[in-house]
Amino acid sequence: MKGVFVDGCWIDDPGKVKEEICLFFKKRFEEVEWERPKLDEVRFQVIDHHHSDLLMMHFDEKEVKVAV
Protein backbone atom coordinates (compact mmCIF):
# COMPACT_ATOMS: atom_id res chain seq x y z
CA MET A 1 0.00 0.00 0.00
CA LYS A 2 1.43 3.32 -1.01
CA GLY A 3 -0.53 6.28 0.27
CA VAL A 4 -3.38 7.11 2.58
CA PHE A 5 -7.08 7.82 2.24
CA VAL A 6 -7.93 11.21 3.79
CA ASP A 7 -11.31 12.98 3.69
CA GLY A 8 -12.48 10.93 0.74
CA CYS A 9 -9.30 11.50 -1.28
CA TRP A 10 -6.39 9.17 -1.98
CA ILE A 11 -3.01 10.77 -1.25
CA ASP A 12 0.15 9.12 -2.51
CA ASP A 13 2.67 11.98 -2.43
CA PRO A 14 5.24 10.88 0.21
CA GLY A 15 5.49 14.37 1.72
CA LYS A 16 1.71 14.69 2.03
CA VAL A 17 1.39 11.15 3.40
CA LYS A 18 3.94 11.94 6.10
CA GLU A 19 2.15 15.22 6.90
CA GLU A 20 -1.27 13.52 7.18
CA ILE A 21 0.11 10.75 9.39
CA CYS A 22 1.75 13.31 11.68
CA LEU A 23 -1.51 15.30 11.88
CA PHE A 24 -3.47 12.13 12.67
CA PHE A 25 -1.25 11.21 15.61
CA LYS A 26 -0.98 14.81 16.82
CA LYS A 27 -4.78 15.02 17.00
CA ARG A 28 -5.04 11.55 18.53
CA PHE A 29 -2.69 12.28 21.42
CA GLU A 30 -3.22 15.96 22.09
CA GLU A 31 -4.27 16.86 25.62
CA VAL A 32 -7.72 18.35 25.89
CA GLU A 33 -7.92 21.38 28.15
CA TRP A 34 -10.60 21.18 30.82
CA GLU A 35 -11.14 22.73 34.19
CA ARG A 36 -10.03 20.31 36.86
CA PRO A 37 -12.06 20.09 40.05
CA LYS A 38 -10.64 21.91 43.04
CA LEU A 39 -10.43 20.33 46.48
CA ASP A 40 -9.89 23.50 48.46
CA GLU A 41 -11.37 23.32 51.93
CA VAL A 42 -12.29 19.63 51.57
CA ARG A 43 -11.46 17.76 54.76
CA PHE A 44 -10.30 14.18 54.28
CA GLN A 45 -10.32 11.66 57.09
CA VAL A 46 -6.86 10.54 58.14
CA ILE A 47 -5.60 7.54 60.05
CA ASP A 48 -3.51 7.82 63.19
CA HIS A 49 0.18 6.89 63.42
CA HIS A 50 -0.57 3.48 64.94
CA HIS A 51 -2.75 2.40 62.00
CA SER A 52 -0.31 3.91 59.55
CA ASP A 53 2.49 1.83 61.07
CA LEU A 54 0.32 -1.30 60.83
CA LEU A 55 -0.11 -0.71 57.09
CA MET A 56 3.66 -0.45 56.64
CA MET A 57 4.53 -3.61 58.61
CA HIS A 58 6.01 -6.63 56.81
CA PHE A 59 3.84 -9.72 56.69
CA ASP A 60 5.06 -13.26 57.08
CA GLU A 61 4.34 -16.45 55.14
CA LYS A 62 1.84 -17.69 57.75
CA GLU A 63 -0.32 -14.55 57.31
CA VAL A 64 -0.34 -15.07 53.53
CA LYS A 65 -1.40 -18.71 53.88
CA VAL A 66 -4.23 -17.75 56.25
CA ALA A 67 -5.42 -15.03 53.88
CA VAL A 68 -5.34 -17.29 50.82
PDB file of N, CA and C in Angstrom:
ATOM      1  N   MET A   1       0.849  -1.178   0.000  1.00  0.00           N
ATOM      2  CA  MET A   1       0.000   0.000   0.000  1.00  0.00           C
ATOM      3  C   MET A   1       0.890   1.235   0.000  1.00  0.00           C
ATOM      4  N   LYS A   2       0.664   2.086  -0.929  1.00  0.00           N
ATOM      5  CA  LYS A   2       1.433   3.321  -1.013  1.00  0.00           C
ATOM      6  C   LYS A   2       0.460   4.483  -0.991  1.00  0.00           C
ATOM      7  N   GLY A   3       0.363   5.143   0.155  1.00  0.00           N
ATOM      8  CA  GLY A   3      -0.528   6.278   0.265  1.00  0.00           C
ATOM      9  C   GLY A   3      -1.519   6.106   1.394  1.00  0.00           C
ATOM     10  N   VAL A   4      -2.346   7.125   1.554  1.00  0.00           N
ATOM     11  CA  VAL A   4      -3.384   7.106   2.582  1.00  0.00           C
ATOM     12  C   VAL A   4      -4.661   7.697   2.019  1.00  0.00           C
ATOM     13  N   PHE A   5      -5.770   7.317   2.624  1.00  0.00           N
ATOM     14  CA  PHE A   5      -7.083   7.818   2.242  1.00  0.00           C
ATOM     15  C   PHE A   5      -7.496   8.852   3.271  1.00  0.00           C
ATOM     16  N   VAL A   6      -7.628  10.119   2.875  1.00  0.00           N
ATOM     17  CA  VAL A   6      -7.930  11.207   3.794  1.00  0.00           C
ATOM     18  C   VAL A   6      -9.093  12.026   3.248  1.00  0.00           C
ATOM     19  N   ASP A   7     -10.135  12.164   4.068  1.00  0.00           N
ATOM     20  CA  ASP A   7     -11.309  12.976   3.694  1.00  0.00           C
ATOM     21  C   ASP A   7     -11.846  12.636   2.315  1.00  0.00           C
ATOM     22  N   GLY A   8     -11.924  11.358   2.011  1.00  0.00           N
ATOM     23  CA  GLY A   8     -12.482  10.926   0.736  1.00  0.00           C
ATOM     24  C   GLY A   8     -11.533  11.021  -0.441  1.00  0.00           C
ATOM     25  N   CYS A   9     -10.273  11.369  -0.196  1.00  0.00           N
ATOM     26  CA  CYS A   9      -9.296  11.497  -1.282  1.00  0.00           C
ATOM     27  C   CYS A   9      -8.098  10.599  -1.011  1.00  0.00           C
ATOM     28  N   TRP A  10      -7.587  10.003  -2.082  1.00  0.00           N
ATOM     29  CA  TRP A  10      -6.395   9.175  -1.978  1.00  0.00           C
ATOM     30  C   TRP A  10      -5.166  10.052  -2.152  1.00  0.00           C
ATOM     31  N   ILE A  11      -4.234   9.979  -1.195  1.00  0.00           N
ATOM     32  CA  ILE A  11      -3.007  10.773  -1.251  1.00  0.00           C
ATOM     33  C   ILE A  11      -1.839   9.819  -1.354  1.00  0.00           C
ATOM     34  N   ASP A  12      -1.004  10.004  -2.379  1.00  0.00           N
ATOM     35  CA  ASP A  12       0.150   9.121  -2.512  1.00  0.00           C
ATOM     36  C   ASP A  12       1.479   9.874  -2.583  1.00  0.00           C
ATOM     37  N   ASP A  13       1.441  11.190  -2.485  1.00  0.00           N
ATOM     38  CA  ASP A  13       2.668  11.982  -2.431  1.00  0.00           C
ATOM     39  C   ASP A  13       3.333  11.725  -1.074  1.00  0.00           C
ATOM     40  N   PRO A  14       4.586  11.236  -1.059  1.00  0.00           N
ATOM     41  CA  PRO A  14       5.240  10.881   0.208  1.00  0.00           C
ATOM     42  C   PRO A  14       5.256  12.016   1.241  1.00  0.00           C
ATOM     43  N   GLY A  15       5.484  13.241   0.796  1.00  0.00           N
ATOM     44  CA  GLY A  15       5.492  14.373   1.719  1.00  0.00           C
ATOM     45  C   GLY A  15       4.125  14.602   2.349  1.00  0.00           C
ATOM     46  N   LYS A  16       3.080  14.510   1.542  1.00  0.00           N
ATOM     47  CA  LYS A  16       1.713  14.694   2.029  1.00  0.00           C
ATOM     48  C   LYS A  16       1.287  13.536   2.934  1.00  0.00           C
ATOM     49  N   VAL A  17       1.708  12.316   2.574  1.00  0.00           N
ATOM     50  CA  VAL A  17       1.386  11.151   3.397  1.00  0.00           C
ATOM     51  C   VAL A  17       1.996  11.332   4.783  1.00  0.00           C
ATOM     52  N   LYS A  18       3.261  11.721   4.827  1.00  0.00           N
ATOM     53  CA  LYS A  18       3.938  11.945   6.104  1.00  0.00           C
ATOM     54  C   LYS A  18       3.225  13.030   6.904  1.00  0.00           C
ATOM     55  N   GLU A  19       2.844  14.109   6.238  1.00  0.00           N
ATOM     56  CA  GLU A  19       2.154  15.216   6.897  1.00  0.00           C
ATOM     57  C   GLU A  19       0.816  14.756   7.483  1.00  0.00           C
ATOM     58  N   GLU A  20       0.040  13.995   6.720  1.00  0.00           N
ATOM     59  CA  GLU A  20      -1.271  13.519   7.185  1.00  0.00           C
ATOM     60  C   GLU A  20      -1.123  12.543   8.351  1.00  0.00           C
ATOM     61  N   ILE A  21      -0.118  11.687   8.301  1.00  0.00           N
ATOM     62  CA  ILE A  21       0.114  10.748   9.394  1.00  0.00           C
ATOM     63  C   ILE A  21       0.508  11.505  10.657  1.00  0.00           C
ATOM     64  N   CYS A  22       1.369  12.491  10.526  1.00  0.00           N
ATOM     65  CA  CYS A  22       1.752  13.314  11.681  1.00  0.00           C
ATOM     66  C   CYS A  22       0.545  14.039  12.264  1.00  0.00           C
ATOM     67  N   LEU A  23      -0.306  14.612  11.409  1.00  0.00           N
ATOM     68  CA  LEU A  23      -1.514  15.298  11.877  1.00  0.00           C
ATOM     69  C   LEU A  23      -2.463  14.340  12.600  1.00  0.00           C
ATOM     70  N   PHE A  24      -2.591  13.122  12.055  1.00  0.00           N
ATOM     71  CA  PHE A  24      -3.468  12.128  12.671  1.00  0.00           C
ATOM     72  C   PHE A  24      -3.033  11.845  14.109  1.00  0.00           C
ATOM     73  N   PHE A  25      -1.729  11.550  14.281  1.00  0.00           N
ATOM     74  CA  PHE A  25      -1.249  11.206  15.613  1.00  0.00           C
ATOM     75  C   PHE A  25      -1.208  12.418  16.537  1.00  0.00           C
ATOM     76  N   LYS A  26      -0.960  13.592  15.999  1.00  0.00           N
ATOM     77  CA  LYS A  26      -0.977  14.808  16.817  1.00  0.00           C
ATOM     78  C   LYS A  26      -2.377  15.031  17.380  1.00  0.00           C
ATOM     79  N   LYS A  27      -3.406  14.869  16.540  1.00  0.00           N
ATOM     80  CA  LYS A  27      -4.780  15.021  16.999  1.00  0.00           C
ATOM     81  C   LYS A  27      -5.162  13.911  17.976  1.00  0.00           C
ATOM     82  N   ARG A  28      -4.684  12.723  17.707  1.00  0.00           N
ATOM     83  CA  ARG A  28      -5.045  11.551  18.530  1.00  0.00           C
ATOM     84  C   ARG A  28      -4.518  11.668  19.952  1.00  0.00           C
ATOM     85  N   PHE A  29      -3.340  12.252  20.114  1.00  0.00           N
ATOM     86  CA  PHE A  29      -2.693  12.280  21.418  1.00  0.00           C
ATOM     87  C   PHE A  29      -2.597  13.663  22.047  1.00  0.00           C
ATOM     88  N   GLU A  30      -3.281  14.643  21.484  1.00  0.00           N
ATOM     89  CA  GLU A  30      -3.223  15.962  22.089  1.00  0.00           C
ATOM     90  C   GLU A  30      -4.024  15.984  23.387  1.00  0.00           C
ATOM     91  N   GLU A  31      -3.582  16.772  24.344  1.00  0.00           N
ATOM     92  CA  GLU A  31      -4.266  16.863  25.623  1.00  0.00           C
ATOM     93  C   GLU A  31      -5.383  17.882  25.516  1.00  0.00           C
ATOM     94  N   VAL A  32      -6.557  17.478  25.928  1.00  0.00           N
ATOM     95  CA  VAL A  32      -7.716  18.349  25.891  1.00  0.00           C
ATOM     96  C   VAL A  32      -7.728  19.180  27.169  1.00  0.00           C
ATOM     97  N   GLU A  33      -7.864  20.486  27.004  1.00  0.00           N
ATOM     98  CA  GLU A  33      -7.916  21.384  28.153  1.00  0.00           C
ATOM     99  C   GLU A  33      -9.296  21.312  28.791  1.00  0.00           C
ATOM    100  N   TRP A  34      -9.344  21.149  30.096  1.00  0.00           N
ATOM    101  CA  TRP A  34     -10.595  21.182  30.822  1.00  0.00           C
ATOM    102  C   TRP A  34     -10.316  21.647  32.239  1.00  0.00           C
ATOM    103  N   GLU A  35     -11.314  22.208  32.848  1.00  0.00           N
ATOM    104  CA  GLU A  35     -11.142  22.734  34.192  1.00  0.00           C
ATOM    105  C   GLU A  35     -11.200  21.582  35.193  1.00  0.00           C
ATOM    106  N   ARG A  36     -10.104  21.393  35.887  1.00  0.00           N
ATOM    107  CA  ARG A  36     -10.029  20.309  36.861  1.00  0.00           C
ATOM    108  C   ARG A  36     -10.739  20.715  38.147  1.00  0.00           C
ATOM    109  N   PRO A  37     -11.377  19.751  38.805  1.00  0.00           N
ATOM    110  CA  PRO A  37     -12.061  20.086  40.054  1.00  0.00           C
ATOM    111  C   PRO A  37     -11.073  20.518  41.131  1.00  0.00           C
ATOM    112  N   LYS A  38     -11.491  21.425  41.959  1.00  0.00           N
ATOM    113  CA  LYS A  38     -10.642  21.914  43.039  1.00  0.00           C
ATOM    114  C   LYS A  38     -11.087  21.261  44.344  1.00  0.00           C
ATOM    115  N   LEU A  39     -10.134  20.968  45.207  1.00  0.00           N
ATOM    116  CA  LEU A  39     -10.428  20.328  46.482  1.00  0.00           C
ATOM    117  C   LEU A  39     -10.105  21.247  47.649  1.00  0.00           C
ATOM    118  N   ASP A  40     -10.133  22.540  47.388  1.00  0.00           N
ATOM    119  CA  ASP A  40      -9.886  23.497  48.458  1.00  0.00           C
ATOM    120  C   ASP A  40     -10.943  23.333  49.540  1.00  0.00           C
ATOM    121  N   GLU A  41     -10.504  23.376  50.760  1.00  0.00           N
ATOM    122  CA  GLU A  41     -11.371  23.319  51.930  1.00  0.00           C
ATOM    123  C   GLU A  41     -12.111  21.993  52.090  1.00  0.00           C
ATOM    124  N   VAL A  42     -11.708  20.949  51.374  1.00  0.00           N
ATOM    125  CA  VAL A  42     -12.291  19.626  51.565  1.00  0.00           C
ATOM    126  C   VAL A  42     -11.474  18.928  52.642  1.00  0.00           C
ATOM    127  N   ARG A  43     -12.133  18.419  53.653  1.00  0.00           N
ATOM    128  CA  ARG A  43     -11.463  17.758  54.761  1.00  0.00           C
ATOM    129  C   ARG A  43     -11.515  16.247  54.542  1.00  0.00           C
ATOM    130  N   PHE A  44     -10.375  15.619  54.426  1.00  0.00           N
ATOM    131  CA  PHE A  44     -10.304  14.177  54.279  1.00  0.00           C
ATOM    132  C   PHE A  44     -10.023  13.543  55.630  1.00  0.00           C
ATOM    133  N   GLN A  45     -10.614  12.385  55.863  1.00  0.00           N
ATOM    134  CA  GLN A  45     -10.319  11.662  57.085  1.00  0.00           C
ATOM    135  C   GLN A  45      -8.902  11.109  56.992  1.00  0.00           C
ATOM    136  N   VAL A  46      -8.214  11.069  58.113  1.00  0.00           N
ATOM    137  CA  VAL A  46      -6.855  10.537  58.145  1.00  0.00           C
ATOM    138  C   VAL A  46      -6.774   9.453  59.205  1.00  0.00           C
ATOM    139  N   ILE A  47      -5.802   8.576  59.049  1.00  0.00           N
ATOM    140  CA  ILE A  47      -5.602   7.542  60.054  1.00  0.00           C
ATOM    141  C   ILE A  47      -4.493   7.988  61.003  1.00  0.00           C
ATOM    142  N   ASP A  48      -4.527   7.434  62.201  1.00  0.00           N
ATOM    143  CA  ASP A  48      -3.513   7.823  63.188  1.00  0.00           C
ATOM    144  C   ASP A  48      -2.196   7.091  62.909  1.00  0.00           C
ATOM    145  N   HIS A  49      -1.152   7.455  63.643  1.00  0.00           N
ATOM    146  CA  HIS A  49       0.183   6.887  63.417  1.00  0.00           C
ATOM    147  C   HIS A  49       0.206   5.382  63.657  1.00  0.00           C
ATOM    148  N   HIS A  50      -0.543   4.916  64.634  1.00  0.00           N
ATOM    149  CA  HIS A  50      -0.567   3.481  64.936  1.00  0.00           C
ATOM    150  C   HIS A  50      -1.074   2.692  63.721  1.00  0.00           C
ATOM    151  N   HIS A  51      -2.199   3.107  63.156  1.00  0.00           N
ATOM    152  CA  HIS A  51      -2.749   2.405  61.998  1.00  0.00           C
ATOM    153  C   HIS A  51      -1.862   2.572  60.768  1.00  0.00           C
ATOM    154  N   SER A  52      -1.246   3.702  60.654  1.00  0.00           N
ATOM    155  CA  SER A  52      -0.311   3.913  59.547  1.00  0.00           C
ATOM    156  C   SER A  52       0.865   2.946  59.643  1.00  0.00           C
ATOM    157  N   ASP A  53       1.390   2.780  60.856  1.00  0.00           N
ATOM    158  CA  ASP A  53       2.490   1.831  61.068  1.00  0.00           C
ATOM    159  C   ASP A  53       2.065   0.404  60.757  1.00  0.00           C
ATOM    160  N   LEU A  54       0.822   0.045  61.121  1.00  0.00           N
ATOM    161  CA  LEU A  54       0.325  -1.303  60.826  1.00  0.00           C
ATOM    162  C   LEU A  54       0.286  -1.569  59.322  1.00  0.00           C
ATOM    163  N   LEU A  55      -0.062  -0.550  58.547  1.00  0.00           N
ATOM    164  CA  LEU A  55      -0.106  -0.709  57.092  1.00  0.00           C
ATOM    165  C   LEU A  55       1.282  -0.893  56.479  1.00  0.00           C
ATOM    166  N   MET A  56       2.298  -0.391  57.158  1.00  0.00           N
ATOM    167  CA  MET A  56       3.662  -0.452  56.638  1.00  0.00           C
ATOM    168  C   MET A  56       4.435  -1.679  57.127  1.00  0.00           C
ATOM    169  N   MET A  57       3.840  -2.450  58.052  1.00  0.00           N
ATOM    170  CA  MET A  57       4.530  -3.613  58.609  1.00  0.00           C
ATOM    171  C   MET A  57       4.705  -4.706  57.560  1.00  0.00           C
ATOM    172  N   HIS A  58       5.788  -5.467  57.685  1.00  0.00           N
ATOM    173  CA  HIS A  58       6.008  -6.626  56.814  1.00  0.00           C
ATOM    174  C   HIS A  58       5.093  -7.751  57.274  1.00  0.00           C
ATOM    175  N   PHE A  59       4.671  -8.574  56.340  1.00  0.00           N
ATOM    176  CA  PHE A  59       3.842  -9.718  56.690  1.00  0.00           C
ATOM    177  C   PHE A  59       4.652 -10.985  56.464  1.00  0.00           C
ATOM    178  N   ASP A  60       4.290 -12.026  57.201  1.00  0.00           N
ATOM    179  CA  ASP A  60       5.058 -13.263  57.081  1.00  0.00           C
ATOM    180  C   ASP A  60       4.277 -14.296  56.268  1.00  0.00           C
ATOM    181  N   GLU A  61       4.920 -15.410  55.989  1.00  0.00           N
ATOM    182  CA  GLU A  61       4.340 -16.446  55.139  1.00  0.00           C
ATOM    183  C   GLU A  61       3.055 -17.015  55.745  1.00  0.00           C
ATOM    184  N   LYS A  62       3.018 -17.142  57.073  1.00  0.00           N
ATOM    185  CA  LYS A  62       1.842 -17.685  57.749  1.00  0.00           C
ATOM    186  C   LYS A  62       0.613 -16.798  57.487  1.00  0.00           C
ATOM    187  N   GLU A  63       0.794 -15.470  57.564  1.00  0.00           N
ATOM    188  CA  GLU A  63      -0.321 -14.551  57.309  1.00  0.00           C
ATOM    189  C   GLU A  63      -0.849 -14.691  55.883  1.00  0.00           C
ATOM    190  N   VAL A  64       0.067 -14.907  54.935  1.00  0.00           N
ATOM    191  CA  VAL A  64      -0.343 -15.071  53.532  1.00  0.00           C
ATOM    192  C   VAL A  64      -1.151 -16.340  53.373  1.00  0.00           C
ATOM    193  N   LYS A  65      -0.682 -17.439  53.978  1.00  0.00           N
ATOM    194  CA  LYS A  65      -1.397 -18.713  53.883  1.00  0.00           C
ATOM    195  C   LYS A  65      -2.791 -18.614  54.483  1.00  0.00           C
ATOM    196  N   VAL A  66      -2.923 -17.920  55.608  1.00  0.00           N
ATOM    197  CA  VAL A  66      -4.232 -17.754  56.250  1.00  0.00           C
ATOM    198  C   VAL A  66      -5.144 -16.926  55.346  1.00  0.00           C
ATOM    199  N   ALA A  67      -4.623 -15.908  54.722  1.00  0.00           N
ATOM    200  CA  ALA A  67      -5.419 -15.030  53.879  1.00  0.00           C
ATOM    201  C   ALA A  67      -5.877 -15.733  52.605  1.00  0.00           C
ATOM    202  N   VAL A  68      -5.022 -16.606  52.086  1.00  0.00           N
ATOM    203  CA  VAL A  68      -5.345 -17.288  50.820  1.00  0.00           C
ATOM    204  C   VAL A  68      -6.196 -18.495  51.113  1.00  0.00           C
TER     205      VAL A  68
END
